[in-house]
Amino acid sequence: MQSYRTGNLSLEKQAVLRDLDHVAVVPLDYFNTAILPPLHPRIDIGVIESRLYGSGVLSMKSDRWAAFPQDPEKEASHEDTVFGPLSLVFDAIVQAAEESTGIPSKLSFVQRPATPPTSERTNISCPDAYLLLVNKKSVGKNEKCAMHCWEDIAVSFGFKKRDGRSGNERRDVSHILLSNFMGLTS
């Protein structure tokens, strides 16, 4: 049996992917109802949605995010380009939520970082984007965390243009989990 701590990256990847074969992938609805904590009582999704429609971030005409006039799967550009406007959507949602609740965001959206997040060990994983704690936990604790540290990341993202019906879902999930695992153990 291979260990993921061999020092050989190729063997480590194989061991982790073998172990990840048993990870359950749950539907989004289950995640929303059973895993996510309830919203803060002052957060009114309807008010936030109205602000987003009013500002034009959500298009009334197409009922889509204005930054994504068509389905990303239909875009010919690379995923980095296609999902580039996602930061604008995130920032607009945060602004609308802050204005309607008076509660400042605890997370910031970092997309396509130039360097991977750091940790006490090696840095081999660089997600497509992540939500970073505004009040970093690592400040003053780790000299290697000059920019963004894995310790301060709430969730990381890997973007795919496909809709999940291509037959490659398991490979995509394994790739994302491997990336996260390597980041957390690096």
N, C-alpha and C. Protein backbone atom coordinates (compact mmCIF):
# COMPACT_ATOMS: atom_id res chain seq x y z
N MET A 1 0.84 -1.18 0.00
CA MET A 1 0.00 0.00 0.00
C MET A 1 0.88 1.24 0.00
N GLN A 2 0.58 2.18 -0.91
CA GLN A 2 1.38 3.38 -1.03
C GLN A 2 0.94 4.44 -0.01
N SER A 3 1.91 5.18 0.47
CA SER A 3 1.62 6.28 1.38
C SER A 3 1.66 7.57 0.58
N TYR A 4 0.88 8.55 1.00
CA TYR A 4 0.92 9.83 0.33
C TYR A 4 2.07 10.69 0.84
N ARG A 5 2.83 10.23 1.80
CA ARG A 5 3.98 10.98 2.32
C ARG A 5 5.29 10.27 1.97
N THR A 6 5.49 10.00 0.69
CA THR A 6 6.69 9.29 0.27
C THR A 6 7.82 10.23 -0.13
N GLY A 7 7.48 11.47 -0.45
CA GLY A 7 8.48 12.38 -0.99
C GLY A 7 8.51 12.32 -2.50
N ASN A 8 7.81 11.35 -3.08
CA ASN A 8 7.72 11.19 -4.52
C ASN A 8 6.33 11.68 -4.94
N LEU A 9 6.27 12.84 -5.60
CA LEU A 9 4.99 13.46 -5.93
C LEU A 9 4.10 12.54 -6.76
N SER A 10 4.67 11.83 -7.70
CA SER A 10 3.88 10.93 -8.54
C SER A 10 3.22 9.84 -7.71
N LEU A 11 3.97 9.22 -6.80
CA LEU A 11 3.41 8.19 -5.93
C LEU A 11 2.38 8.77 -4.96
N GLU A 12 2.64 9.98 -4.47
CA GLU A 12 1.70 10.63 -3.57
C GLU A 12 0.37 10.88 -4.26
N LYS A 13 0.41 11.37 -5.51
CA LYS A 13 -0.82 11.62 -6.26
C LYS A 13 -1.61 10.32 -6.46
N GLN A 14 -0.91 9.26 -6.81
CA GLN A 14 -1.59 7.97 -7.01
C GLN A 14 -2.25 7.49 -5.73
N ALA A 15 -1.56 7.61 -4.62
CA ALA A 15 -2.11 7.15 -3.34
C ALA A 15 -3.33 7.97 -2.94
N VAL A 16 -3.25 9.28 -3.10
CA VAL A 16 -4.37 10.13 -2.73
C VAL A 16 -5.57 9.86 -3.63
N LEU A 17 -5.34 9.77 -4.94
CA LEU A 17 -6.45 9.49 -5.86
C LEU A 17 -7.08 8.14 -5.58
N ARG A 18 -6.29 7.16 -5.21
CA ARG A 18 -6.84 5.84 -4.85
C ARG A 18 -7.74 5.99 -3.64
N ASP A 19 -7.29 6.73 -2.63
CA ASP A 19 -8.09 6.94 -1.43
C ASP A 19 -9.35 7.77 -1.73
N LEU A 20 -9.23 8.73 -2.64
CA LEU A 20 -10.36 9.60 -2.95
C LEU A 20 -11.46 8.88 -3.71
N ASP A 21 -11.17 7.73 -4.24
CA ASP A 21 -12.18 6.98 -4.97
C ASP A 21 -13.38 6.67 -4.09
N HIS A 22 -13.20 6.75 -2.79
CA HIS A 22 -14.27 6.42 -1.85
C HIS A 22 -14.95 7.65 -1.26
N VAL A 23 -14.64 8.83 -1.78
CA VAL A 23 -15.24 10.07 -1.28
C VAL A 23 -16.63 10.22 -1.89
N ALA A 24 -17.62 10.47 -1.06
CA ALA A 24 -18.98 10.66 -1.55
C ALA A 24 -19.14 12.07 -2.13
N VAL A 25 -19.76 12.16 -3.27
CA VAL A 25 -20.08 13.44 -3.88
C VAL A 25 -21.58 13.62 -3.69
N VAL A 26 -21.94 14.65 -2.92
CA VAL A 26 -23.35 14.85 -2.58
C VAL A 26 -23.98 15.88 -3.51
N PRO A 27 -25.28 15.78 -3.75
CA PRO A 27 -25.96 16.78 -4.58
C PRO A 27 -25.93 18.15 -3.90
N LEU A 28 -25.98 19.19 -4.71
CA LEU A 28 -25.94 20.56 -4.20
C LEU A 28 -27.08 20.81 -3.21
N ASP A 29 -28.26 20.28 -3.50
CA ASP A 29 -29.40 20.50 -2.62
C ASP A 29 -29.12 19.95 -1.21
N TYR A 30 -28.50 18.77 -1.14
CA TYR A 30 -28.15 18.20 0.16
C TYR A 30 -27.14 19.10 0.88
N PHE A 31 -26.16 19.57 0.13
CA PHE A 31 -25.15 20.45 0.71
C PHE A 31 -25.81 21.70 1.29
N ASN A 32 -26.74 22.29 0.52
CA ASN A 32 -27.42 23.52 0.96
C ASN A 32 -28.30 23.30 2.18
N THR A 33 -28.96 22.15 2.27
CA THR A 33 -29.90 21.93 3.37
C THR A 33 -29.28 21.27 4.60
N ALA A 34 -28.28 20.43 4.41
CA ALA A 34 -27.76 19.65 5.53
C ALA A 34 -26.38 20.08 6.02
N ILE A 35 -25.62 20.76 5.19
CA ILE A 35 -24.24 21.07 5.57
C ILE A 35 -24.03 22.55 5.87
N LEU A 36 -24.54 23.40 5.00
CA LEU A 36 -24.36 24.84 5.22
C LEU A 36 -25.10 25.29 6.48
N PRO A 37 -24.49 26.17 7.25
CA PRO A 37 -25.21 26.70 8.43
C PRO A 37 -26.32 27.63 7.96
N PRO A 38 -27.31 27.88 8.82
CA PRO A 38 -28.38 28.80 8.43
C PRO A 38 -27.83 30.22 8.26
N LEU A 39 -28.51 30.99 7.43
CA LEU A 39 -28.11 32.38 7.21
C LEU A 39 -28.33 33.20 8.48
N HIS A 40 -27.52 34.23 8.62
CA HIS A 40 -27.70 35.19 9.70
C HIS A 40 -29.11 35.77 9.57
N PRO A 41 -29.83 35.98 10.68
CA PRO A 41 -31.22 36.46 10.60
C PRO A 41 -31.39 37.79 9.87
N ARG A 42 -30.37 38.63 9.83
CA ARG A 42 -30.48 39.94 9.15
C ARG A 42 -30.26 39.84 7.65
N ILE A 43 -29.88 38.66 7.17
CA ILE A 43 -29.65 38.51 5.73
C ILE A 43 -30.97 38.13 5.06
N ASP A 44 -31.43 39.00 4.19
CA ASP A 44 -32.66 38.77 3.43
C ASP A 44 -32.28 38.60 1.96
N ILE A 45 -32.34 37.38 1.48
CA ILE A 45 -31.93 37.07 0.11
C ILE A 45 -32.74 37.89 -0.90
N GLY A 46 -34.03 38.08 -0.63
CA GLY A 46 -34.88 38.86 -1.53
C GLY A 46 -34.40 40.29 -1.69
N VAL A 47 -34.00 40.91 -0.60
CA VAL A 47 -33.49 42.29 -0.64
C VAL A 47 -32.18 42.34 -1.43
N ILE A 48 -31.31 41.39 -1.17
CA ILE A 48 -30.02 41.34 -1.89
C ILE A 48 -30.27 41.14 -3.38
N GLU A 49 -31.16 40.22 -3.72
CA GLU A 49 -31.48 39.95 -5.12
C GLU A 49 -32.05 41.21 -5.79
N SER A 50 -32.92 41.93 -5.10
CA SER A 50 -33.48 43.17 -5.66
C SER A 50 -32.38 44.19 -5.93
N ARG A 51 -31.44 44.29 -5.01
CA ARG A 51 -30.32 45.23 -5.21
C ARG A 51 -29.48 44.82 -6.43
N LEU A 52 -29.28 43.53 -6.60
CA LEU A 52 -28.48 43.05 -7.73
C LEU A 52 -29.20 43.30 -9.06
N TYR A 53 -30.52 43.10 -9.09
CA TYR A 53 -31.29 43.44 -10.29
C TYR A 53 -31.25 44.95 -10.53
N GLY A 54 -31.42 45.73 -9.47
CA GLY A 54 -31.42 47.19 -9.58
C GLY A 54 -30.11 47.75 -10.10
N SER A 55 -29.01 47.12 -9.71
CA SER A 55 -27.69 47.60 -10.16
C SER A 55 -27.31 47.05 -11.53
N GLY A 56 -28.09 46.10 -12.05
CA GLY A 56 -27.79 45.52 -13.36
C GLY A 56 -26.83 44.35 -13.30
N VAL A 57 -26.40 43.97 -12.10
CA VAL A 57 -25.50 42.81 -11.98
C VAL A 57 -26.25 41.54 -12.38
N LEU A 58 -27.52 41.46 -11.98
CA LEU A 58 -28.42 40.41 -12.46
C LEU A 58 -29.28 41.03 -13.55
N SER A 59 -29.36 40.39 -14.70
CA SER A 59 -30.12 40.92 -15.82
C SER A 59 -31.58 40.47 -15.74
N MET A 60 -32.50 41.44 -15.72
CA MET A 60 -33.93 41.10 -15.73
C MET A 60 -34.32 40.49 -17.07
N LYS A 61 -33.68 40.95 -18.11
CA LYS A 61 -34.02 40.49 -19.46
C LYS A 61 -33.71 39.00 -19.64
N SER A 62 -32.52 38.59 -19.21
CA SER A 62 -32.11 37.20 -19.41
C SER A 62 -32.19 36.35 -18.14
N ASP A 63 -32.41 37.02 -16.99
CA ASP A 63 -32.44 36.35 -15.69
C ASP A 63 -31.13 35.58 -15.45
N ARG A 64 -30.04 36.20 -15.88
CA ARG A 64 -28.68 35.64 -15.71
C ARG A 64 -27.80 36.73 -15.11
N TRP A 65 -26.63 36.32 -14.64
CA TRP A 65 -25.63 37.30 -14.24
C TRP A 65 -25.22 38.05 -15.49
N ALA A 66 -25.20 39.37 -15.42
CA ALA A 66 -24.83 40.17 -16.58
C ALA A 66 -23.40 39.86 -17.04
N ALA A 67 -22.55 39.47 -16.12
CA ALA A 67 -21.16 39.14 -16.46
C ALA A 67 -21.06 37.84 -17.26
N PHE A 68 -22.13 37.06 -17.26
CA PHE A 68 -22.16 35.78 -17.99
C PHE A 68 -23.38 35.76 -18.91
N PRO A 69 -23.31 36.50 -20.03
CA PRO A 69 -24.47 36.59 -20.91
C PRO A 69 -24.90 35.26 -21.53
N GLN A 70 -23.97 34.32 -21.62
CA GLN A 70 -24.33 32.99 -22.10
C GLN A 70 -23.70 31.93 -21.21
N ASP A 71 -24.16 30.73 -21.33
CA ASP A 71 -23.68 29.62 -20.53
C ASP A 71 -22.17 29.46 -20.74
N PRO A 72 -21.38 29.42 -19.66
CA PRO A 72 -19.93 29.26 -19.80
C PRO A 72 -19.52 28.04 -20.65
N GLU A 73 -20.34 27.01 -20.63
CA GLU A 73 -20.03 25.81 -21.41
C GLU A 73 -19.99 26.11 -22.91
N LYS A 74 -20.73 27.12 -23.34
CA LYS A 74 -20.80 27.47 -24.76
C LYS A 74 -19.70 28.43 -25.18
N GLU A 75 -18.95 28.94 -24.23
CA GLU A 75 -17.85 29.87 -24.52
C GLU A 75 -16.67 29.11 -25.11
N ALA A 76 -16.04 29.70 -26.12
CA ALA A 76 -14.88 29.06 -26.75
C ALA A 76 -13.58 29.36 -25.99
N SER A 77 -13.59 30.41 -25.18
CA SER A 77 -12.39 30.83 -24.47
C SER A 77 -12.00 29.84 -23.37
N HIS A 78 -10.76 29.95 -22.93
CA HIS A 78 -10.25 29.12 -21.84
C HIS A 78 -11.01 29.44 -20.56
N GLU A 79 -11.07 28.48 -19.64
CA GLU A 79 -11.80 28.63 -18.38
C GLU A 79 -11.35 29.86 -17.59
N ASP A 80 -10.05 30.17 -17.62
CA ASP A 80 -9.55 31.35 -16.91
C ASP A 80 -10.24 32.62 -17.41
N THR A 81 -10.42 32.72 -18.72
CA THR A 81 -11.07 33.89 -19.31
C THR A 81 -12.56 33.87 -19.05
N VAL A 82 -13.17 32.71 -19.26
CA VAL A 82 -14.63 32.58 -19.10
C VAL A 82 -15.07 32.94 -17.68
N PHE A 83 -14.33 32.46 -16.68
CA PHE A 83 -14.73 32.69 -15.30
C PHE A 83 -14.09 33.94 -14.69
N GLY A 84 -13.36 34.70 -15.49
CA GLY A 84 -12.75 35.94 -15.02
C GLY A 84 -13.74 36.90 -14.36
N PRO A 85 -14.94 37.09 -14.92
CA PRO A 85 -15.89 38.03 -14.32
C PRO A 85 -16.51 37.56 -13.00
N LEU A 86 -16.20 36.35 -12.57
CA LEU A 86 -16.79 35.84 -11.33
C LEU A 86 -16.46 36.74 -10.14
N SER A 87 -15.28 37.34 -10.14
CA SER A 87 -14.91 38.22 -9.03
C SER A 87 -15.83 39.44 -8.98
N LEU A 88 -16.27 39.94 -10.14
CA LEU A 88 -17.20 41.07 -10.18
C LEU A 88 -18.55 40.67 -9.56
N VAL A 89 -19.00 39.46 -9.85
CA VAL A 89 -20.26 38.96 -9.31
C VAL A 89 -20.14 38.83 -7.79
N PHE A 90 -19.05 38.21 -7.34
CA PHE A 90 -18.84 38.04 -5.89
C PHE A 90 -18.82 39.39 -5.19
N ASP A 91 -18.05 40.33 -5.73
CA ASP A 91 -17.94 41.66 -5.10
C ASP A 91 -19.30 42.37 -5.05
N ALA A 92 -20.10 42.22 -6.11
CA ALA A 92 -21.42 42.86 -6.14
C ALA A 92 -22.35 42.24 -5.10
N ILE A 93 -22.29 40.93 -4.94
CA ILE A 93 -23.12 40.25 -3.94
C ILE A 93 -22.70 40.70 -2.54
N VAL A 94 -21.41 40.75 -2.29
CA VAL A 94 -20.91 41.18 -0.97
C VAL A 94 -21.35 42.61 -0.69
N GLN A 95 -21.21 43.49 -1.68
CA GLN A 95 -21.60 44.89 -1.49
C GLN A 95 -23.09 45.00 -1.19
N ALA A 96 -23.93 44.29 -1.94
CA ALA A 96 -25.38 44.33 -1.72
C ALA A 96 -25.72 43.77 -0.34
N ALA A 97 -25.05 42.72 0.07
CA ALA A 97 -25.30 42.13 1.39
C ALA A 97 -24.87 43.07 2.51
N GLU A 98 -23.70 43.67 2.35
CA GLU A 98 -23.22 44.60 3.37
C GLU A 98 -24.15 45.82 3.49
N GLU A 99 -24.61 46.33 2.35
CA GLU A 99 -25.51 47.49 2.37
C GLU A 99 -26.85 47.15 3.02
N SER A 100 -27.35 45.95 2.79
CA SER A 100 -28.67 45.61 3.32
C SER A 100 -28.63 45.14 4.77
N THR A 101 -27.48 44.66 5.23
CA THR A 101 -27.40 44.14 6.61
C THR A 101 -26.57 45.00 7.55
N GLY A 102 -25.63 45.75 6.98
CA GLY A 102 -24.70 46.50 7.82
C GLY A 102 -23.62 45.60 8.41
N ILE A 103 -23.54 44.36 7.94
CA ILE A 103 -22.55 43.40 8.44
C ILE A 103 -21.42 43.30 7.41
N PRO A 104 -20.19 43.58 7.80
CA PRO A 104 -19.08 43.47 6.85
C PRO A 104 -18.78 42.01 6.52
N SER A 105 -18.30 41.79 5.31
CA SER A 105 -17.96 40.44 4.86
C SER A 105 -16.77 39.90 5.64
N LYS A 106 -16.78 38.62 5.89
CA LYS A 106 -15.66 37.97 6.57
C LYS A 106 -14.73 37.28 5.58
N LEU A 107 -15.11 37.32 4.29
CA LEU A 107 -14.33 36.64 3.26
C LEU A 107 -14.08 37.58 2.08
N SER A 108 -12.95 37.38 1.42
CA SER A 108 -12.70 38.07 0.16
C SER A 108 -12.42 37.00 -0.90
N PHE A 109 -12.75 37.33 -2.14
CA PHE A 109 -12.61 36.39 -3.25
C PHE A 109 -11.28 36.63 -3.95
N VAL A 110 -10.46 35.61 -4.06
CA VAL A 110 -9.17 35.72 -4.76
C VAL A 110 -9.24 34.77 -5.95
N GLN A 111 -9.06 35.33 -7.14
CA GLN A 111 -9.16 34.53 -8.36
C GLN A 111 -7.85 34.53 -9.11
N ARG A 112 -7.48 33.37 -9.63
CA ARG A 112 -6.26 33.16 -10.40
C ARG A 112 -5.05 33.80 -9.72
N PRO A 113 -4.76 33.35 -8.52
CA PRO A 113 -3.60 33.92 -7.83
C PRO A 113 -2.32 33.67 -8.63
N ALA A 114 -1.42 34.63 -8.59
CA ALA A 114 -0.16 34.50 -9.33
C ALA A 114 0.75 33.44 -8.71
N THR A 115 0.61 33.24 -7.41
CA THR A 115 1.42 32.23 -6.73
C THR A 115 0.49 31.36 -5.87
N PRO A 116 0.88 30.14 -5.62
CA PRO A 116 0.03 29.29 -4.78
C PRO A 116 0.02 29.78 -3.34
N PRO A 117 -1.05 29.48 -2.61
CA PRO A 117 -1.06 29.82 -1.19
C PRO A 117 0.12 29.13 -0.50
N THR A 118 0.62 29.75 0.53
CA THR A 118 1.78 29.19 1.22
C THR A 118 1.38 28.40 2.45
N SER A 119 2.32 27.62 2.93
CA SER A 119 2.14 26.86 4.16
C SER A 119 3.51 26.64 4.77
N GLU A 120 3.56 25.90 5.84
CA GLU A 120 4.84 25.64 6.50
C GLU A 120 5.71 24.69 5.69
N ARG A 121 5.11 23.94 4.77
CA ARG A 121 5.87 22.99 3.95
C ARG A 121 5.90 23.47 2.51
N THR A 122 5.97 22.56 1.57
CA THR A 122 6.04 22.93 0.16
C THR A 122 4.71 23.44 -0.35
N ASN A 123 4.75 24.17 -1.45
CA ASN A 123 3.54 24.74 -2.05
C ASN A 123 3.41 24.20 -3.46
N ILE A 124 2.55 23.20 -3.63
CA ILE A 124 2.43 22.58 -4.94
C ILE A 124 1.04 22.70 -5.53
N SER A 125 0.11 23.27 -4.81
CA SER A 125 -1.27 23.33 -5.27
C SER A 125 -1.73 24.78 -5.36
N CYS A 126 -2.29 25.13 -6.51
CA CYS A 126 -2.78 26.49 -6.71
C CYS A 126 -4.20 26.41 -7.28
N PRO A 127 -5.21 26.61 -6.44
CA PRO A 127 -6.59 26.53 -6.92
C PRO A 127 -6.92 27.66 -7.89
N ASP A 128 -8.01 27.49 -8.65
CA ASP A 128 -8.44 28.53 -9.58
C ASP A 128 -8.87 29.80 -8.83
N ALA A 129 -9.44 29.61 -7.66
CA ALA A 129 -9.88 30.74 -6.83
C ALA A 129 -10.09 30.23 -5.42
N TYR A 130 -10.24 31.15 -4.49
CA TYR A 130 -10.56 30.76 -3.12
C TYR A 130 -11.16 31.93 -2.36
N LEU A 131 -11.85 31.59 -1.27
CA LEU A 131 -12.37 32.59 -0.36
C LEU A 131 -11.40 32.69 0.80
N LEU A 132 -10.88 33.87 0.99
CA LEU A 132 -9.85 34.14 1.98
C LEU A 132 -10.46 34.88 3.16
N LEU A 133 -10.10 34.47 4.37
CA LEU A 133 -10.57 35.16 5.56
C LEU A 133 -10.05 36.60 5.55
N VAL A 134 -10.93 37.56 5.78
CA VAL A 134 -10.51 38.96 5.83
C VAL A 134 -9.59 39.18 7.03
N ASN A 135 -9.97 38.66 8.18
CA ASN A 135 -9.12 38.72 9.37
C ASN A 135 -8.31 37.44 9.43
N LYS A 136 -7.15 37.48 8.82
CA LYS A 136 -6.32 36.29 8.69
C LYS A 136 -5.92 35.71 10.04
N LYS A 137 -5.97 34.38 10.11
CA LYS A 137 -5.54 33.68 11.33
C LYS A 137 -4.02 33.58 11.39
N SER A 138 -3.37 33.60 10.24
CA SER A 138 -1.93 33.33 10.18
C SER A 138 -1.06 34.54 10.48
N VAL A 139 -1.63 35.72 10.60
CA VAL A 139 -0.83 36.93 10.80
C VAL A 139 0.07 36.77 12.03
N GLY A 140 1.37 36.94 11.78
CA GLY A 140 2.35 36.86 12.86
C GLY A 140 2.70 35.44 13.29
N LYS A 141 2.06 34.42 12.72
CA LYS A 141 2.32 33.05 13.14
C LYS A 141 3.26 32.30 12.19
N ASN A 142 3.30 32.71 10.93
CA ASN A 142 4.07 31.97 9.95
C ASN A 142 4.74 32.95 9.00
N GLU A 143 6.07 32.99 9.03
CA GLU A 143 6.80 33.93 8.17
C GLU A 143 6.60 33.65 6.70
N LYS A 144 6.31 32.38 6.33
CA LYS A 144 6.12 32.02 4.93
C LYS A 144 4.80 32.55 4.38
N CYS A 145 3.90 32.98 5.23
CA CYS A 145 2.58 33.43 4.80
C CYS A 145 2.55 34.93 4.56
N ALA A 146 3.48 35.42 3.76
CA ALA A 146 3.52 36.85 3.48
C ALA A 146 2.29 37.28 2.66
N MET A 147 1.87 36.45 1.73
CA MET A 147 0.69 36.77 0.91
C MET A 147 -0.52 36.03 1.47
N HIS A 148 -0.88 34.93 0.85
CA HIS A 148 -2.04 34.15 1.28
C HIS A 148 -1.58 32.78 1.76
N CYS A 149 -2.10 32.40 2.89
CA CYS A 149 -1.71 31.15 3.53
C CYS A 149 -2.89 30.18 3.50
N TRP A 150 -2.62 28.89 3.29
CA TRP A 150 -3.69 27.88 3.29
C TRP A 150 -4.50 27.94 4.58
N GLU A 151 -3.87 28.33 5.65
CA GLU A 151 -4.56 28.42 6.94
C GLU A 151 -5.68 29.45 6.93
N ASP A 152 -5.62 30.42 6.02
CA ASP A 152 -6.59 31.51 5.95
C ASP A 152 -7.66 31.31 4.87
N ILE A 153 -7.62 30.17 4.19
CA ILE A 153 -8.56 29.92 3.11
C ILE A 153 -9.75 29.13 3.64
N ALA A 154 -10.95 29.70 3.43
CA ALA A 154 -12.17 29.04 3.89
C ALA A 154 -12.61 27.95 2.92
N VAL A 155 -12.51 28.22 1.62
CA VAL A 155 -12.90 27.24 0.60
C VAL A 155 -12.14 27.57 -0.68
N SER A 156 -11.78 26.54 -1.42
CA SER A 156 -11.10 26.76 -2.69
C SER A 156 -11.99 26.26 -3.83
N PHE A 157 -11.72 26.76 -5.04
CA PHE A 157 -12.55 26.43 -6.20
C PHE A 157 -11.69 25.94 -7.35
N GLY A 158 -12.27 25.05 -8.14
CA GLY A 158 -11.72 24.63 -9.42
C GLY A 158 -12.82 24.82 -10.44
N PHE A 159 -12.59 25.58 -11.50
CA PHE A 159 -13.64 25.90 -12.46
C PHE A 159 -13.63 24.94 -13.64
N LYS A 160 -14.81 24.54 -14.05
CA LYS A 160 -15.00 23.70 -15.23
C LYS A 160 -16.15 24.27 -16.04
N LYS A 161 -15.99 24.29 -17.36
CA LYS A 161 -17.04 24.79 -18.22
C LYS A 161 -18.11 23.74 -18.49
N ARG A 162 -17.77 22.48 -18.31
CA ARG A 162 -18.73 21.41 -18.61
C ARG A 162 -19.86 21.39 -17.60
N ASP A 163 -20.95 20.77 -17.97
CA ASP A 163 -22.13 20.72 -17.11
C ASP A 163 -22.17 19.49 -16.22
N GLY A 164 -21.18 18.64 -16.28
CA GLY A 164 -21.15 17.47 -15.41
C GLY A 164 -21.72 16.22 -16.05
N ARG A 165 -22.09 16.29 -17.31
CA ARG A 165 -22.64 15.11 -17.98
C ARG A 165 -21.66 14.51 -18.97
N SER A 166 -20.40 14.86 -18.86
CA SER A 166 -19.42 14.41 -19.85
C SER A 166 -18.85 13.04 -19.54
N GLY A 167 -19.13 12.53 -18.35
CA GLY A 167 -18.54 11.26 -17.96
C GLY A 167 -17.22 11.42 -17.24
N ASN A 168 -16.74 12.66 -17.09
CA ASN A 168 -15.47 12.91 -16.44
C ASN A 168 -15.63 13.49 -15.04
N GLU A 169 -16.84 13.41 -14.48
CA GLU A 169 -17.09 14.04 -13.19
C GLU A 169 -16.16 13.49 -12.11
N ARG A 170 -15.98 12.18 -12.09
CA ARG A 170 -15.14 11.57 -11.06
C ARG A 170 -13.71 12.08 -11.16
N ARG A 171 -13.22 12.19 -12.40
CA ARG A 171 -11.86 12.71 -12.60
C ARG A 171 -11.78 14.16 -12.14
N ASP A 172 -12.79 14.97 -12.48
CA ASP A 172 -12.80 16.37 -12.07
C ASP A 172 -12.84 16.50 -10.56
N VAL A 173 -13.70 15.72 -9.91
CA VAL A 173 -13.80 15.76 -8.45
C VAL A 173 -12.48 15.31 -7.83
N SER A 174 -11.91 14.25 -8.37
CA SER A 174 -10.63 13.76 -7.85
C SER A 174 -9.54 14.80 -8.00
N HIS A 175 -9.52 15.50 -9.14
CA HIS A 175 -8.51 16.53 -9.37
C HIS A 175 -8.66 17.67 -8.34
N ILE A 176 -9.89 18.11 -8.12
CA ILE A 176 -10.13 19.20 -7.17
C ILE A 176 -9.79 18.76 -5.75
N LEU A 177 -10.21 17.56 -5.37
CA LEU A 177 -9.91 17.08 -4.03
C LEU A 177 -8.41 16.88 -3.84
N LEU A 178 -7.75 16.37 -4.86
CA LEU A 178 -6.30 16.19 -4.77
C LEU A 178 -5.62 17.53 -4.57
N SER A 179 -6.06 18.54 -5.33
CA SER A 179 -5.49 19.88 -5.21
C SER A 179 -5.68 20.39 -3.77
N ASN A 180 -6.89 20.23 -3.24
CA ASN A 180 -7.15 20.69 -1.88
C ASN A 180 -6.35 19.91 -0.88
N PHE A 181 -6.26 18.60 -1.06
CA PHE A 181 -5.52 17.76 -0.13
C PHE A 181 -4.05 18.15 -0.12
N MET A 182 -3.47 18.34 -1.30
CA MET A 182 -2.06 18.70 -1.37
C MET A 182 -1.83 20.06 -0.71
N GLY A 183 -2.78 20.98 -0.88
CA GLY A 183 -2.66 22.28 -0.23
C GLY A 183 -2.74 22.18 1.27
N LEU A 184 -3.61 21.33 1.77
CA LEU A 184 -3.78 21.23 3.21
C LEU A 184 -2.66 20.45 3.88
N THR A 185 -2.01 19.56 3.14
CA THR A 185 -0.94 18.77 3.75
C THR A 185 0.42 19.27 3.35
N SER A 186 0.48 20.35 2.54
CA SER A 186 1.80 20.83 2.12
C SER A 186 2.43 21.71 3.16
